[in-house]
Amino acid sequence: MIRRLLVLIAVTFLISACAGIGGNSVAVRNGSGPVTMTPAAFEAFNAYRSRVNPLVFALSPDGSQYYWYYCVDLASDCDVESIMQDAVSRCSERGSGQTCFIFARRKAVVWRNAGEFAPS
C-alpha cells in the first residue's frame, strides 16, 4: 500500500514537472477589436500571406509588434500548437510590453472585428 502511494506521488511529480518544461507557456487567443498595423507589420503580413504554407501570424493590439511562422512542408513536423505559442511569446517580447494575439492562422484572418487593418 505504501509502495503504491509512493509510486503515485512520484508519477504525479513527474507529470507536473513535464508540464513545466518549455519555459513560458502563454495563452494563445485570437485578437479582437479594431487594429491598424504599422507599415512594417503590414509588410510582414503580406510576406506571411505570400508563403505557400503560412501557419500563424501574431500581432500586438496596437499593430506595431508581430511575429510569424510558415512551414516549408506541411507533411513535415510542424507542430502548430507549439508554434502558435512561440509566435505569441516572441511577439510579446519584442518591445511594446503588450500581450500579442493571433491575427491569422494559415491564410485566414481570425482577429475578430479587425476593421481596416492596413495602415492609412
PDB file of N, CA and C in Angstrom:
ATOM      1  N   MET A   1       0.826  -1.195   0.000  1.00  0.00           N
ATOM      2  CA  MET A   1       0.000   0.000   0.000  1.00  0.00           C
ATOM      3  C   MET A   1       0.872   1.262   0.000  1.00  0.00           C
ATOM      4  N   ILE A   2       1.881   1.290   0.850  1.00  0.00           N
ATOM      5  CA  ILE A   2       2.780   2.444   0.916  1.00  0.00           C
ATOM      6  C   ILE A   2       3.550   2.578  -0.398  1.00  0.00           C
ATOM      7  N   ARG A   3       3.934   1.435  -0.965  1.00  0.00           N
ATOM      8  CA  ARG A   3       4.671   1.471  -2.231  1.00  0.00           C
ATOM      9  C   ARG A   3       3.797   2.082  -3.340  1.00  0.00           C
ATOM     10  N   ARG A   4       2.536   1.705  -3.401  1.00  0.00           N
ATOM     11  CA  ARG A   4       1.632   2.267  -4.391  1.00  0.00           C
ATOM     12  C   ARG A   4       1.470   3.773  -4.199  1.00  0.00           C
ATOM     13  N   LEU A   5       1.377   4.200  -2.974  1.00  0.00           N
ATOM     14  CA  LEU A   5       1.247   5.615  -2.671  1.00  0.00           C
ATOM     15  C   LEU A   5       2.492   6.375  -3.113  1.00  0.00           C
ATOM     16  N   LEU A   6       3.666   5.812  -2.856  1.00  0.00           N
ATOM     17  CA  LEU A   6       4.916   6.452  -3.272  1.00  0.00           C
ATOM     18  C   LEU A   6       5.026   6.517  -4.797  1.00  0.00           C
ATOM     19  N   VAL A   7       4.617   5.435  -5.465  1.00  0.00           N
ATOM     20  CA  VAL A   7       4.639   5.433  -6.928  1.00  0.00           C
ATOM     21  C   VAL A   7       3.681   6.497  -7.466  1.00  0.00           C
ATOM     22  N   LEU A   8       2.497   6.605  -6.886  1.00  0.00           N
ATOM     23  CA  LEU A   8       1.520   7.599  -7.309  1.00  0.00           C
ATOM     24  C   LEU A   8       2.061   9.014  -7.107  1.00  0.00           C
ATOM     25  N   ILE A   9       2.699   9.269  -5.997  1.00  0.00           N
ATOM     26  CA  ILE A   9       3.293  10.579  -5.730  1.00  0.00           C
ATOM     27  C   ILE A   9       4.405  10.870  -6.734  1.00  0.00           C
ATOM     28  N   ALA A  10       5.246   9.882  -7.007  1.00  0.00           N
ATOM     29  CA  ALA A  10       6.344  10.066  -7.959  1.00  0.00           C
ATOM     30  C   ALA A  10       5.825  10.359  -9.361  1.00  0.00           C
ATOM     31  N   VAL A  11       4.811   9.615  -9.794  1.00  0.00           N
ATOM     32  CA  VAL A  11       4.243   9.821 -11.126  1.00  0.00           C
ATOM     33  C   VAL A  11       3.605  11.206 -11.215  1.00  0.00           C
ATOM     34  N   THR A  12       2.882  11.608 -10.182  1.00  0.00           N
ATOM     35  CA  THR A  12       2.269  12.941 -10.164  1.00  0.00           C
ATOM     36  C   THR A  12       3.327  14.025 -10.251  1.00  0.00           C
ATOM     37  N   PHE A  13       4.423  13.867  -9.532  1.00  0.00           N
ATOM     38  CA  PHE A  13       5.518  14.833  -9.568  1.00  0.00           C
ATOM     39  C   PHE A  13       6.128  14.910 -10.962  1.00  0.00           C
ATOM     40  N   LEU A  14       6.364  13.749 -11.570  1.00  0.00           N
ATOM     41  CA  LEU A  14       6.958  13.736 -12.913  1.00  0.00           C
ATOM     42  C   LEU A  14       6.046  14.375 -13.949  1.00  0.00           C
ATOM     43  N   ILE A  15       4.762  14.109 -13.861  1.00  0.00           N
ATOM     44  CA  ILE A  15       3.822  14.706 -14.809  1.00  0.00           C
ATOM     45  C   ILE A  15       3.781  16.214 -14.646  1.00  0.00           C
ATOM     46  N   SER A  16       3.747  16.691 -13.408  1.00  0.00           N
ATOM     47  CA  SER A  16       3.706  18.137 -13.205  1.00  0.00           C
ATOM     48  C   SER A  16       5.020  18.786 -13.620  1.00  0.00           C
ATOM     49  N   ALA A  17       6.146  18.096 -13.450  1.00  0.00           N
ATOM     50  CA  ALA A  17       7.437  18.637 -13.878  1.00  0.00           C
ATOM     51  C   ALA A  17       7.507  18.720 -15.394  1.00  0.00           C
ATOM     52  N   CYS A  18       6.984  17.708 -16.079  1.00  0.00           N
ATOM     53  CA  CYS A  18       6.995  17.726 -17.539  1.00  0.00           C
ATOM     54  C   CYS A  18       6.110  18.835 -18.085  1.00  0.00           C
ATOM     55  N   ALA A  19       5.015  19.139 -17.417  1.00  0.00           N
ATOM     56  CA  ALA A  19       4.133  20.202 -17.881  1.00  0.00           C
ATOM     57  C   ALA A  19       4.824  21.548 -17.840  1.00  0.00           C
ATOM     58  N   GLY A  20       5.806  21.700 -16.962  1.00  0.00           N
ATOM     59  CA  GLY A  20       6.514  22.964 -16.852  1.00  0.00           C
ATOM     60  C   GLY A  20       7.695  23.084 -17.787  1.00  0.00           C
ATOM     61  N   ILE A  21       8.096  22.008 -18.429  1.00  0.00           N
ATOM     62  CA  ILE A  21       9.226  22.057 -19.345  1.00  0.00           C
ATOM     63  C   ILE A  21       8.833  22.887 -20.560  1.00  0.00           C
ATOM     64  N   GLY A  22       9.757  23.689 -21.026  1.00  0.00           N
ATOM     65  CA  GLY A  22       9.464  24.519 -22.182  1.00  0.00           C
ATOM     66  C   GLY A  22       9.359  25.976 -21.822  1.00  0.00           C
ATOM     67  N   GLY A  23       9.496  26.307 -20.571  1.00  0.00           N
ATOM     68  CA  GLY A  23       9.570  27.698 -20.179  1.00  0.00           C
ATOM     69  C   GLY A  23       8.220  28.380 -20.132  1.00  0.00           C
ATOM     70  N   ASN A  24       8.158  29.542 -20.716  1.00  0.00           N
ATOM     71  CA  ASN A  24       6.994  30.397 -20.619  1.00  0.00           C
ATOM     72  C   ASN A  24       5.862  29.879 -21.491  1.00  0.00           C
ATOM     73  N   SER A  25       4.895  29.273 -20.875  1.00  0.00           N
ATOM     74  CA  SER A  25       3.721  28.833 -21.597  1.00  0.00           C
ATOM     75  C   SER A  25       2.731  29.999 -21.581  1.00  0.00           C
ATOM     76  N   VAL A  26       2.328  30.442 -22.734  1.00  0.00           N
ATOM     77  CA  VAL A  26       1.436  31.584 -22.819  1.00  0.00           C
ATOM     78  C   VAL A  26       0.098  31.142 -23.374  1.00  0.00           C
ATOM     79  N   ALA A  27      -0.926  31.879 -22.992  1.00  0.00           N
ATOM     80  CA  ALA A  27      -2.250  31.595 -23.529  1.00  0.00           C
ATOM     81  C   ALA A  27      -2.303  32.064 -24.975  1.00  0.00           C
ATOM     82  N   VAL A  28      -2.819  31.231 -25.830  1.00  0.00           N
ATOM     83  CA  VAL A  28      -2.930  31.573 -27.243  1.00  0.00           C
ATOM     84  C   VAL A  28      -4.399  31.868 -27.522  1.00  0.00           C
ATOM     85  N   ARG A  29      -4.662  33.139 -27.810  1.00  0.00           N
ATOM     86  CA  ARG A  29      -6.038  33.548 -28.104  1.00  0.00           C
ATOM     87  C   ARG A  29      -6.046  34.399 -29.364  1.00  0.00           C
ATOM     88  N   ASN A  30      -7.163  34.358 -30.055  1.00  0.00           N
ATOM     89  CA  ASN A  30      -7.345  35.235 -31.208  1.00  0.00           C
ATOM     90  C   ASN A  30      -7.576  36.643 -30.702  1.00  0.00           C
ATOM     91  N   GLY A  31      -7.063  37.616 -31.444  1.00  0.00           N
ATOM     92  CA  GLY A  31      -7.290  39.005 -31.083  1.00  0.00           C
ATOM     93  C   GLY A  31      -8.702  39.430 -31.451  1.00  0.00           C
ATOM     94  N   SER A  32      -9.101  40.580 -30.916  1.00  0.00           N
ATOM     95  CA  SER A  32     -10.415  41.116 -31.259  1.00  0.00           C
ATOM     96  C   SER A  32     -10.391  42.634 -31.123  1.00  0.00           C
ATOM     97  N   GLY A  33     -11.261  43.260 -31.881  1.00  0.00           N
ATOM     98  CA  GLY A  33     -11.379  44.708 -31.853  1.00  0.00           C
ATOM     99  C   GLY A  33     -10.588  45.353 -32.979  1.00  0.00           C
ATOM    100  N   PRO A  34     -10.890  46.613 -33.252  1.00  0.00           N
ATOM    101  CA  PRO A  34     -10.199  47.312 -34.338  1.00  0.00           C
ATOM    102  C   PRO A  34      -8.689  47.359 -34.110  1.00  0.00           C
ATOM    103  N   VAL A  35      -7.936  47.163 -35.175  1.00  0.00           N
ATOM    104  CA  VAL A  35      -6.480  47.223 -35.097  1.00  0.00           C
ATOM    105  C   VAL A  35      -5.965  47.801 -36.414  1.00  0.00           C
ATOM    106  N   THR A  36      -4.954  48.642 -36.313  1.00  0.00           N
ATOM    107  CA  THR A  36      -4.309  49.183 -37.504  1.00  0.00           C
ATOM    108  C   THR A  36      -2.835  48.825 -37.423  1.00  0.00           C
ATOM    109  N   MET A  37      -2.351  48.119 -38.420  1.00  0.00           N
ATOM    110  CA  MET A  37      -0.945  47.705 -38.445  1.00  0.00           C
ATOM    111  C   MET A  37      -0.047  48.876 -38.810  1.00  0.00           C
ATOM    112  N   THR A  38       1.160  48.864 -38.272  1.00  0.00           N
ATOM    113  CA  THR A  38       2.170  49.804 -38.728  1.00  0.00           C
ATOM    114  C   THR A  38       2.579  49.374 -40.135  1.00  0.00           C
ATOM    115  N   PRO A  39       3.209  50.277 -40.909  1.00  0.00           N
ATOM    116  CA  PRO A  39       3.655  49.867 -42.243  1.00  0.00           C
ATOM    117  C   PRO A  39       4.567  48.635 -42.212  1.00  0.00           C
ATOM    118  N   ALA A  40       5.459  48.545 -41.216  1.00  0.00           N
ATOM    119  CA  ALA A  40       6.357  47.382 -41.118  1.00  0.00           C
ATOM    120  C   ALA A  40       5.575  46.101 -40.836  1.00  0.00           C
ATOM    121  N   ALA A  41       4.584  46.166 -39.952  1.00  0.00           N
ATOM    122  CA  ALA A  41       3.769  44.989 -39.637  1.00  0.00           C
ATOM    123  C   ALA A  41       2.949  44.567 -40.859  1.00  0.00           C
ATOM    124  N   PHE A  42       2.414  45.546 -41.591  1.00  0.00           N
ATOM    125  CA  PHE A  42       1.614  45.231 -42.777  1.00  0.00           C
ATOM    126  C   PHE A  42       2.484  44.592 -43.864  1.00  0.00           C
ATOM    127  N   GLU A  43       3.695  45.090 -44.015  1.00  0.00           N
ATOM    128  CA  GLU A  43       4.638  44.499 -44.975  1.00  0.00           C
ATOM    129  C   GLU A  43       4.965  43.057 -44.583  1.00  0.00           C
ATOM    130  N   ALA A  44       5.169  42.833 -43.285  1.00  0.00           N
ATOM    131  CA  ALA A  44       5.444  41.476 -42.804  1.00  0.00           C
ATOM    132  C   ALA A  44       4.231  40.567 -43.025  1.00  0.00           C
ATOM    133  N   PHE A  45       3.027  41.099 -42.813  1.00  0.00           N
ATOM    134  CA  PHE A  45       1.817  40.307 -43.023  1.00  0.00           C
ATOM    135  C   PHE A  45       1.677  39.915 -44.493  1.00  0.00           C
ATOM    136  N   ASN A  46       1.995  40.822 -45.384  1.00  0.00           N
ATOM    137  CA  ASN A  46       1.944  40.497 -46.810  1.00  0.00           C
ATOM    138  C   ASN A  46       2.977  39.434 -47.172  1.00  0.00           C
ATOM    139  N   ALA A  47       4.174  39.493 -46.555  1.00  0.00           N
ATOM    140  CA  ALA A  47       5.193  38.464 -46.780  1.00  0.00           C
ATOM    141  C   ALA A  47       4.692  37.118 -46.255  1.00  0.00           C
ATOM    142  N   TYR A  48       4.056  37.141 -45.088  1.00  0.00           N
ATOM    143  CA  TYR A  48       3.474  35.925 -44.493  1.00  0.00           C
ATOM    144  C   TYR A  48       2.432  35.319 -45.440  1.00  0.00           C
ATOM    145  N   ARG A  49       1.523  36.155 -45.950  1.00  0.00           N
ATOM    146  CA  ARG A  49       0.455  35.663 -46.832  1.00  0.00           C
ATOM    147  C   ARG A  49       0.987  35.112 -48.145  1.00  0.00           C
ATOM    148  N   SER A  50       2.154  35.583 -48.561  1.00  0.00           N
ATOM    149  CA  SER A  50       2.698  35.133 -49.847  1.00  0.00           C
ATOM    150  C   SER A  50       3.357  33.757 -49.762  1.00  0.00           C
ATOM    151  N   ARG A  51       3.587  33.258 -48.563  1.00  0.00           N
ATOM    152  CA  ARG A  51       4.189  31.932 -48.403  1.00  0.00           C
ATOM    153  C   ARG A  51       3.199  30.859 -48.815  1.00  0.00           C
ATOM    154  N   VAL A  52       3.732  29.726 -49.248  1.00  0.00           N
ATOM    155  CA  VAL A  52       2.875  28.621 -49.665  1.00  0.00           C
ATOM    156  C   VAL A  52       2.136  28.023 -48.471  1.00  0.00           C
ATOM    157  N   ASN A  53       2.818  27.856 -47.350  1.00  0.00           N
ATOM    158  CA  ASN A  53       2.216  27.241 -46.165  1.00  0.00           C
ATOM    159  C   ASN A  53       2.351  28.141 -44.938  1.00  0.00           C
ATOM    160  N   PRO A  54       1.672  29.300 -44.911  1.00  0.00           N
ATOM    161  CA  PRO A  54       1.751  30.123 -43.709  1.00  0.00           C
ATOM    162  C   PRO A  54       1.049  29.414 -42.557  1.00  0.00           C
ATOM    163  N   LEU A  55       1.594  29.533 -41.349  1.00  0.00           N
ATOM    164  CA  LEU A  55       0.983  28.857 -40.202  1.00  0.00           C
ATOM    165  C   LEU A  55       0.277  29.820 -39.264  1.00  0.00           C
ATOM    166  N   VAL A  56       1.002  30.825 -38.781  1.00  0.00           N
ATOM    167  CA  VAL A  56       0.415  31.713 -37.784  1.00  0.00           C
ATOM    168  C   VAL A  56       1.097  33.080 -37.841  1.00  0.00           C
ATOM    169  N   PHE A  57       0.285  34.121 -37.659  1.00  0.00           N
ATOM    170  CA  PHE A  57       0.773  35.497 -37.595  1.00  0.00           C
ATOM    171  C   PHE A  57       0.232  36.080 -36.301  1.00  0.00           C
ATOM    172  N   ALA A  58       1.136  36.443 -35.383  1.00  0.00           N
ATOM    173  CA  ALA A  58       0.750  37.056 -34.105  1.00  0.00           C
ATOM    174  C   ALA A  58       0.962  38.558 -34.202  1.00  0.00           C
ATOM    175  N   LEU A  59       0.113  39.330 -33.508  1.00  0.00           N
ATOM    176  CA  LEU A  59       0.144  40.783 -33.599  1.00  0.00           C
ATOM    177  C   LEU A  59      -0.215  41.399 -32.253  1.00  0.00           C
ATOM    178  N   SER A  60       0.413  42.523 -31.939  1.00  0.00           N
ATOM    179  CA  SER A  60       0.067  43.254 -30.720  1.00  0.00           C
ATOM    180  C   SER A  60      -1.194  44.089 -30.973  1.00  0.00           C
ATOM    181  N   PRO A  61      -1.937  44.420 -29.918  1.00  0.00           N
ATOM    182  CA  PRO A  61      -3.180  45.184 -30.097  1.00  0.00           C
ATOM    183  C   PRO A  61      -2.982  46.552 -30.745  1.00  0.00           C
ATOM    184  N   ASP A  62      -1.795  47.144 -30.592  1.00  0.00           N
ATOM    185  CA  ASP A  62      -1.564  48.437 -31.235  1.00  0.00           C
ATOM    186  C   ASP A  62      -1.040  48.292 -32.662  1.00  0.00           C
ATOM    187  N   GLY A  63      -0.856  47.051 -33.129  1.00  0.00           N
ATOM    188  CA  GLY A  63      -0.453  46.790 -34.505  1.00  0.00           C
ATOM    189  C   GLY A  63       1.015  47.023 -34.804  1.00  0.00           C
ATOM    190  N   SER A  64       1.830  47.223 -33.763  1.00  0.00           N
ATOM    191  CA  SER A  64       3.239  47.538 -34.005  1.00  0.00           C
ATOM    192  C   SER A  64       4.166  46.329 -33.922  1.00  0.00           C
ATOM    193  N   GLN A  65       3.830  45.368 -33.095  1.00  0.00           N
ATOM    194  CA  GLN A  65       4.684  44.194 -32.917  1.00  0.00           C
ATOM    195  C   GLN A  65       4.041  42.992 -33.586  1.00  0.00           C
ATOM    196  N   TYR A  66       4.878  42.128 -34.133  1.00  0.00           N
ATOM    197  CA  TYR A  66       4.364  40.951 -34.837  1.00  0.00           C
ATOM    198  C   TYR A  66       5.433  39.871 -34.819  1.00  0.00           C
ATOM    199  N   TYR A  67       4.996  38.666 -35.100  1.00  0.00           N
ATOM    200  CA  TYR A  67       5.895  37.532 -35.292  1.00  0.00           C
ATOM    201  C   TYR A  67       5.119  36.490 -36.063  1.00  0.00           C
ATOM    202  N   TRP A  68       5.774  35.832 -37.006  1.00  0.00           N
ATOM    203  CA  TRP A  68       5.052  34.861 -37.817  1.00  0.00           C
ATOM    204  C   TRP A  68       5.909  33.663 -38.169  1.00  0.00           C
ATOM    205  N   TYR A  69       5.204  32.589 -38.514  1.00  0.00           N
ATOM    206  CA  TYR A  69       5.837  31.343 -38.925  1.00  0.00           C
ATOM    207  C   TYR A  69       5.162  30.815 -40.181  1.00  0.00           C
ATOM    208  N   TYR A  70       5.946  30.124 -40.965  1.00  0.00           N
ATOM    209  CA  TYR A  70       5.393  29.342 -42.066  1.00  0.00           C
ATOM    210  C   TYR A  70       6.066  27.982 -42.013  1.00  0.00           C
ATOM    211  N   CYS A  71       5.500  27.031 -42.714  1.00  0.00           N
ATOM    212  CA  CYS A  71       6.041  25.681 -42.731  1.00  0.00           C
ATOM    213  C   CYS A  71       6.493  25.369 -44.163  1.00  0.00           C
ATOM    214  N   VAL A  72       7.715  24.915 -44.295  1.00  0.00           N
ATOM    215  CA  VAL A  72       8.241  24.586 -45.621  1.00  0.00           C
ATOM    216  C   VAL A  72       7.426  23.459 -46.246  1.00  0.00           C
ATOM    217  N   ASP A  73       7.080  22.470 -45.426  1.00  0.00           N
ATOM    218  CA  ASP A  73       6.343  21.316 -45.910  1.00  0.00           C
ATOM    219  C   ASP A  73       5.386  20.862 -44.823  1.00  0.00           C
ATOM    220  N   LEU A  74       4.084  20.976 -45.066  1.00  0.00           N
ATOM    221  CA  LEU A  74       3.106  20.609 -44.041  1.00  0.00           C
ATOM    222  C   LEU A  74       3.164  19.133 -43.668  1.00  0.00           C
ATOM    223  N   ALA A  75       3.741  18.315 -44.529  1.00  0.00           N
ATOM    224  CA  ALA A  75       3.874  16.898 -44.214  1.00  0.00           C
ATOM    225  C   ALA A  75       4.984  16.670 -43.187  1.00  0.00           C
ATOM    226  N   SER A  76       5.850  17.677 -43.015  1.00  0.00           N
ATOM    227  CA  SER A  76       6.931  17.534 -42.031  1.00  0.00           C
ATOM    228  C   SER A  76       6.385  17.832 -40.637  1.00  0.00           C
ATOM    229  N   ASP A  77       7.262  17.900 -39.700  1.00  0.00           N
ATOM    230  CA  ASP A  77       6.861  18.062 -38.303  1.00  0.00           C
ATOM    231  C   ASP A  77       6.620  19.537 -37.965  1.00  0.00           C
ATOM    232  N   CYS A  78       5.461  20.046 -38.322  1.00  0.00           N
ATOM    233  CA  CYS A  78       5.076  21.416 -37.987  1.00  0.00           C
ATOM    234  C   CYS A  78       4.013  21.346 -36.894  1.00  0.00           C
ATOM    235  N   ASP A  79       4.431  21.436 -35.663  1.00  0.00           N
ATOM    236  CA  ASP A  79       3.525  21.369 -34.517  1.00  0.00           C
ATOM    237  C   ASP A  79       2.856  22.733 -34.352  1.00  0.00           C
ATOM    238  N   VAL A  80       1.679  22.875 -34.909  1.00  0.00           N
ATOM    239  CA  VAL A  80       1.006  24.164 -34.980  1.00  0.00           C
ATOM    240  C   VAL A  80       0.747  24.745 -33.590  1.00  0.00           C
ATOM    241  N   GLU A  81       0.339  23.935 -32.632  1.00  0.00           N
ATOM    242  CA  GLU A  81       0.032  24.450 -31.289  1.00  0.00           C
ATOM    243  C   GLU A  81       1.257  25.080 -30.632  1.00  0.00           C
ATOM    244  N   SER A  82       2.395  24.396 -30.658  1.00  0.00           N
ATOM    245  CA  SER A  82       3.584  24.969 -30.025  1.00  0.00           C
ATOM    246  C   SER A  82       4.106  26.153 -30.825  1.00  0.00           C
ATOM    247  N   ILE A  83       3.936  26.121 -32.137  1.00  0.00           N
ATOM    248  CA  ILE A  83       4.360  27.241 -32.970  1.00  0.00           C
ATOM    249  C   ILE A  83       3.507  28.473 -32.669  1.00  0.00           C
ATOM    250  N   MET A  84       2.213  28.293 -32.462  1.00  0.00           N
ATOM    251  CA  MET A  84       1.353  29.428 -32.112  1.00  0.00           C
ATOM    252  C   MET A  84       1.787  30.035 -30.786  1.00  0.00           C
ATOM    253  N   GLN A  85       2.082  29.182 -29.797  1.00  0.00           N
ATOM    254  CA  GLN A  85       2.550  29.691 -28.504  1.00  0.00           C
ATOM    255  C   GLN A  85       3.850  30.457 -28.667  1.00  0.00           C
ATOM    256  N   ASP A  86       4.752  29.929 -29.460  1.00  0.00           N
ATOM    257  CA  ASP A  86       6.040  30.584 -29.660  1.00  0.00           C
ATOM    258  C   ASP A  86       5.866  31.921 -30.374  1.00  0.00           C
ATOM    259  N   ALA A  87       5.015  31.978 -31.359  1.00  0.00           N
ATOM    260  CA  ALA A  87       4.785  33.230 -32.086  1.00  0.00           C
ATOM    261  C   ALA A  87       4.223  34.308 -31.158  1.00  0.00           C
ATOM    262  N   VAL A  88       3.247  33.948 -30.326  1.00  0.00           N
ATOM    263  CA  VAL A  88       2.667  34.903 -29.387  1.00  0.00           C
ATOM    264  C   VAL A  88       3.721  35.354 -28.370  1.00  0.00           C
ATOM    265  N   SER A  89       4.491  34.414 -27.876  1.00  0.00           N
ATOM    266  CA  SER A  89       5.538  34.716 -26.903  1.00  0.00           C
ATOM    267  C   SER A  89       6.584  35.664 -27.486  1.00  0.00           C
ATOM    268  N   ARG A  90       7.087  35.333 -28.658  1.00  0.00           N
ATOM    269  CA  ARG A  90       8.130  36.162 -29.290  1.00  0.00           C
ATOM    270  C   ARG A  90       7.597  37.535 -29.670  1.00  0.00           C
ATOM    271  N   CYS A  91       6.384  37.596 -30.145  1.00  0.00           N
ATOM    272  CA  CYS A  91       5.772  38.879 -30.471  1.00  0.00           C
ATOM    273  C   CYS A  91       5.653  39.745 -29.216  1.00  0.00           C
ATOM    274  N   SER A  92       5.195  39.146 -28.133  1.00  0.00           N
ATOM    275  CA  SER A  92       5.016  39.890 -26.880  1.00  0.00           C
ATOM    276  C   SER A  92       6.333  40.391 -26.316  1.00  0.00           C
ATOM    277  N   GLU A  93       7.420  39.660 -26.563  1.00  0.00           N
ATOM    278  CA  GLU A  93       8.737  40.040 -26.050  1.00  0.00           C
ATOM    279  C   GLU A  93       9.405  41.127 -26.892  1.00  0.00           C
ATOM    280  N   ARG A  94       8.871  41.463 -28.019  1.00  0.00           N
ATOM    281  CA  ARG A  94       9.549  42.342 -28.974  1.00  0.00           C
ATOM    282  C   ARG A  94       9.619  43.799 -28.577  1.00  0.00           C
ATOM    283  N   GLY A  95       8.972  44.235 -27.542  1.00  0.00           N
ATOM    284  CA  GLY A  95       9.219  45.614 -27.187  1.00  0.00           C
ATOM    285  C   GLY A  95       8.117  46.413 -26.553  1.00  0.00           C
ATOM    286  N   SER A  96       6.928  46.381 -27.074  1.00  0.00           N
ATOM    287  CA  SER A  96       5.909  47.312 -26.587  1.00  0.00           C
ATOM    288  C   SER A  96       5.337  46.920 -25.230  1.00  0.00           C
ATOM    289  N   GLY A  97       5.675  45.735 -24.747  1.00  0.00           N
ATOM    290  CA  GLY A  97       5.160  45.282 -23.460  1.00  0.00           C
ATOM    291  C   GLY A  97       3.722  44.805 -23.516  1.00  0.00           C
ATOM    292  N   GLN A  98       3.139  44.781 -24.677  1.00  0.00           N
ATOM    293  CA  GLN A  98       1.768  44.322 -24.830  1.00  0.00           C
ATOM    294  C   GLN A  98       1.736  42.823 -25.091  1.00  0.00           C
ATOM    295  N   THR A  99       0.681  42.186 -24.652  1.00  0.00           N
ATOM    296  CA  THR A  99       0.480  40.784 -24.970  1.00  0.00           C
ATOM    297  C   THR A  99      -0.030  40.691 -26.400  1.00  0.00           C
ATOM    298  N   CYS A 100       0.582  39.834 -27.173  1.00  0.00           N
ATOM    299  CA  CYS A 100       0.157  39.651 -28.564  1.00  0.00           C
ATOM    300  C   CYS A 100      -0.921  38.571 -28.648  1.00  0.00           C
ATOM    301  N   PHE A 101      -1.640  38.606 -29.749  1.00  0.00           N
ATOM    302  CA  PHE A 101      -2.707  37.660 -30.005  1.00  0.00           C
ATOM    303  C   PHE A 101      -2.566  37.146 -31.435  1.00  0.00           C
ATOM    304  N   ILE A 102      -3.292  36.093 -31.742  1.00  0.00           N
ATOM    305  CA  ILE A 102      -3.254  35.531 -33.086  1.00  0.00           C
ATOM    306  C   ILE A 102      -4.074  36.428 -34.018  1.00  0.00           C
ATOM    307  N   PHE A 103      -3.443  36.864 -35.096  1.00  0.00           N
ATOM    308  CA  PHE A 103      -4.124  37.667 -36.102  1.00  0.00           C
ATOM    309  C   PHE A 103      -4.601  36.776 -37.252  1.00  0.00           C
ATOM    310  N   ALA A 104      -3.743  35.828 -37.655  1.00  0.00           N
ATOM    311  CA  ALA A 104      -4.108  34.944 -38.768  1.00  0.00           C
ATOM    312  C   ALA A 104      -3.594  33.533 -38.514  1.00  0.00           C
ATOM    313  N   ARG A 105      -4.382  32.575 -38.943  1.00  0.00           N
ATOM    314  CA  ARG A 105      -3.986  31.165 -38.965  1.00  0.00           C
ATOM    315  C   ARG A 105      -4.089  30.709 -40.402  1.00  0.00           C
ATOM    316  N   ARG A 106      -2.994  30.141 -40.854  1.00  0.00           N
ATOM    317  CA  ARG A 106      -2.891  29.803 -42.272  1.00  0.00           C
ATOM    318  C   ARG A 106      -3.189  31.073 -43.071  1.00  0.00           C
ATOM    319  N   LYS A 107      -4.120  31.045 -43.998  1.00  0.00           N
ATOM    320  CA  LYS A 107      -4.376  32.243 -44.815  1.00  0.00           C
ATOM    321  C   LYS A 107      -5.590  33.040 -44.342  1.00  0.00           C
ATOM    322  N   ALA A 108      -6.216  32.616 -43.248  1.00  0.00           N
ATOM    323  CA  ALA A 108      -7.432  33.276 -42.772  1.00  0.00           C
ATOM    324  C   ALA A 108      -7.141  34.223 -41.615  1.00  0.00           C
ATOM    325  N   VAL A 109      -7.678  35.441 -41.705  1.00  0.00           N
ATOM    326  CA  VAL A 109      -7.604  36.375 -40.589  1.00  0.00           C
ATOM    327  C   VAL A 109      -8.609  35.902 -39.546  1.00  0.00           C
ATOM    328  N   VAL A 110      -8.138  35.685 -38.310  1.00  0.00           N
ATOM    329  CA  VAL A 110      -9.011  35.210 -37.238  1.00  0.00           C
ATOM    330  C   VAL A 110      -9.237  36.274 -36.166  1.00  0.00           C
ATOM    331  N   TRP A 111      -8.598  37.408 -36.312  1.00  0.00           N
ATOM    332  CA  TRP A 111      -8.785  38.538 -35.384  1.00  0.00           C
ATOM    333  C   TRP A 111     -10.212  39.042 -35.592  1.00  0.00           C
ATOM    334  N   ARG A 112     -11.031  38.971 -34.545  1.00  0.00           N
ATOM    335  CA  ARG A 112     -12.434  39.359 -34.664  1.00  0.00           C
ATOM    336  C   ARG A 112     -12.580  40.879 -34.748  1.00  0.00           C
ATOM    337  N   ASN A 113     -13.399  41.332 -35.658  1.00  0.00           N
ATOM    338  CA  ASN A 113     -13.697  42.757 -35.843  1.00  0.00           C
ATOM    339  C   ASN A 113     -12.436  43.597 -36.035  1.00  0.00           C
ATOM    340  N   ALA A 114     -11.531  43.094 -36.865  1.00  0.00           N
ATOM    341  CA  ALA A 114     -10.260  43.799 -37.085  1.00  0.00           C
ATOM    342  C   ALA A 114     -10.458  45.137 -37.784  1.00  0.00           C
ATOM    343  N   GLY A 115     -11.522  45.274 -38.530  1.00  0.00           N
ATOM    344  CA  GLY A 115     -11.736  46.514 -39.273  1.00  0.00           C
ATOM    345  C   GLY A 115     -10.741  46.622 -40.421  1.00  0.00           C
ATOM    346  N   GLU A 116     -10.423  47.824 -40.813  1.00  0.00           N
ATOM    347  CA  GLU A 116      -9.463  48.081 -41.882  1.00  0.00           C
ATOM    348  C   GLU A 116      -8.080  48.099 -41.240  1.00  0.00           C
ATOM    349  N   PHE A 117      -7.398  46.970 -41.277  1.00  0.00           N
ATOM    350  CA  PHE A 117      -6.147  46.828 -40.524  1.00  0.00           C
ATOM    351  C   PHE A 117      -4.921  47.363 -41.269  1.00  0.00           C
ATOM    352  N   ALA A 118      -5.074  47.684 -42.547  1.00  0.00           N
ATOM    353  CA  ALA A 118      -3.935  48.222 -43.319  1.00  0.00           C
ATOM    354  C   ALA A 118      -3.626  49.644 -42.827  1.00  0.00           C
ATOM    355  N   PRO A 119      -2.343  50.008 -42.815  1.00  0.00           N
ATOM    356  CA  PRO A 119      -2.016  51.368 -42.378  1.00  0.00           C
ATOM    357  C   PRO A 119      -2.592  52.405 -43.334  1.00  0.00           C
ATOM    358  N   SER A 120      -2.931  53.557 -42.794  1.00  0.00           N
ATOM    359  CA  SER A 120      -3.518  54.600 -43.655  1.00  0.00           C
ATOM    360  C   SER A 120      -2.463  55.531 -44.209  1.00  0.00           C
TER     361      SER A 120
END
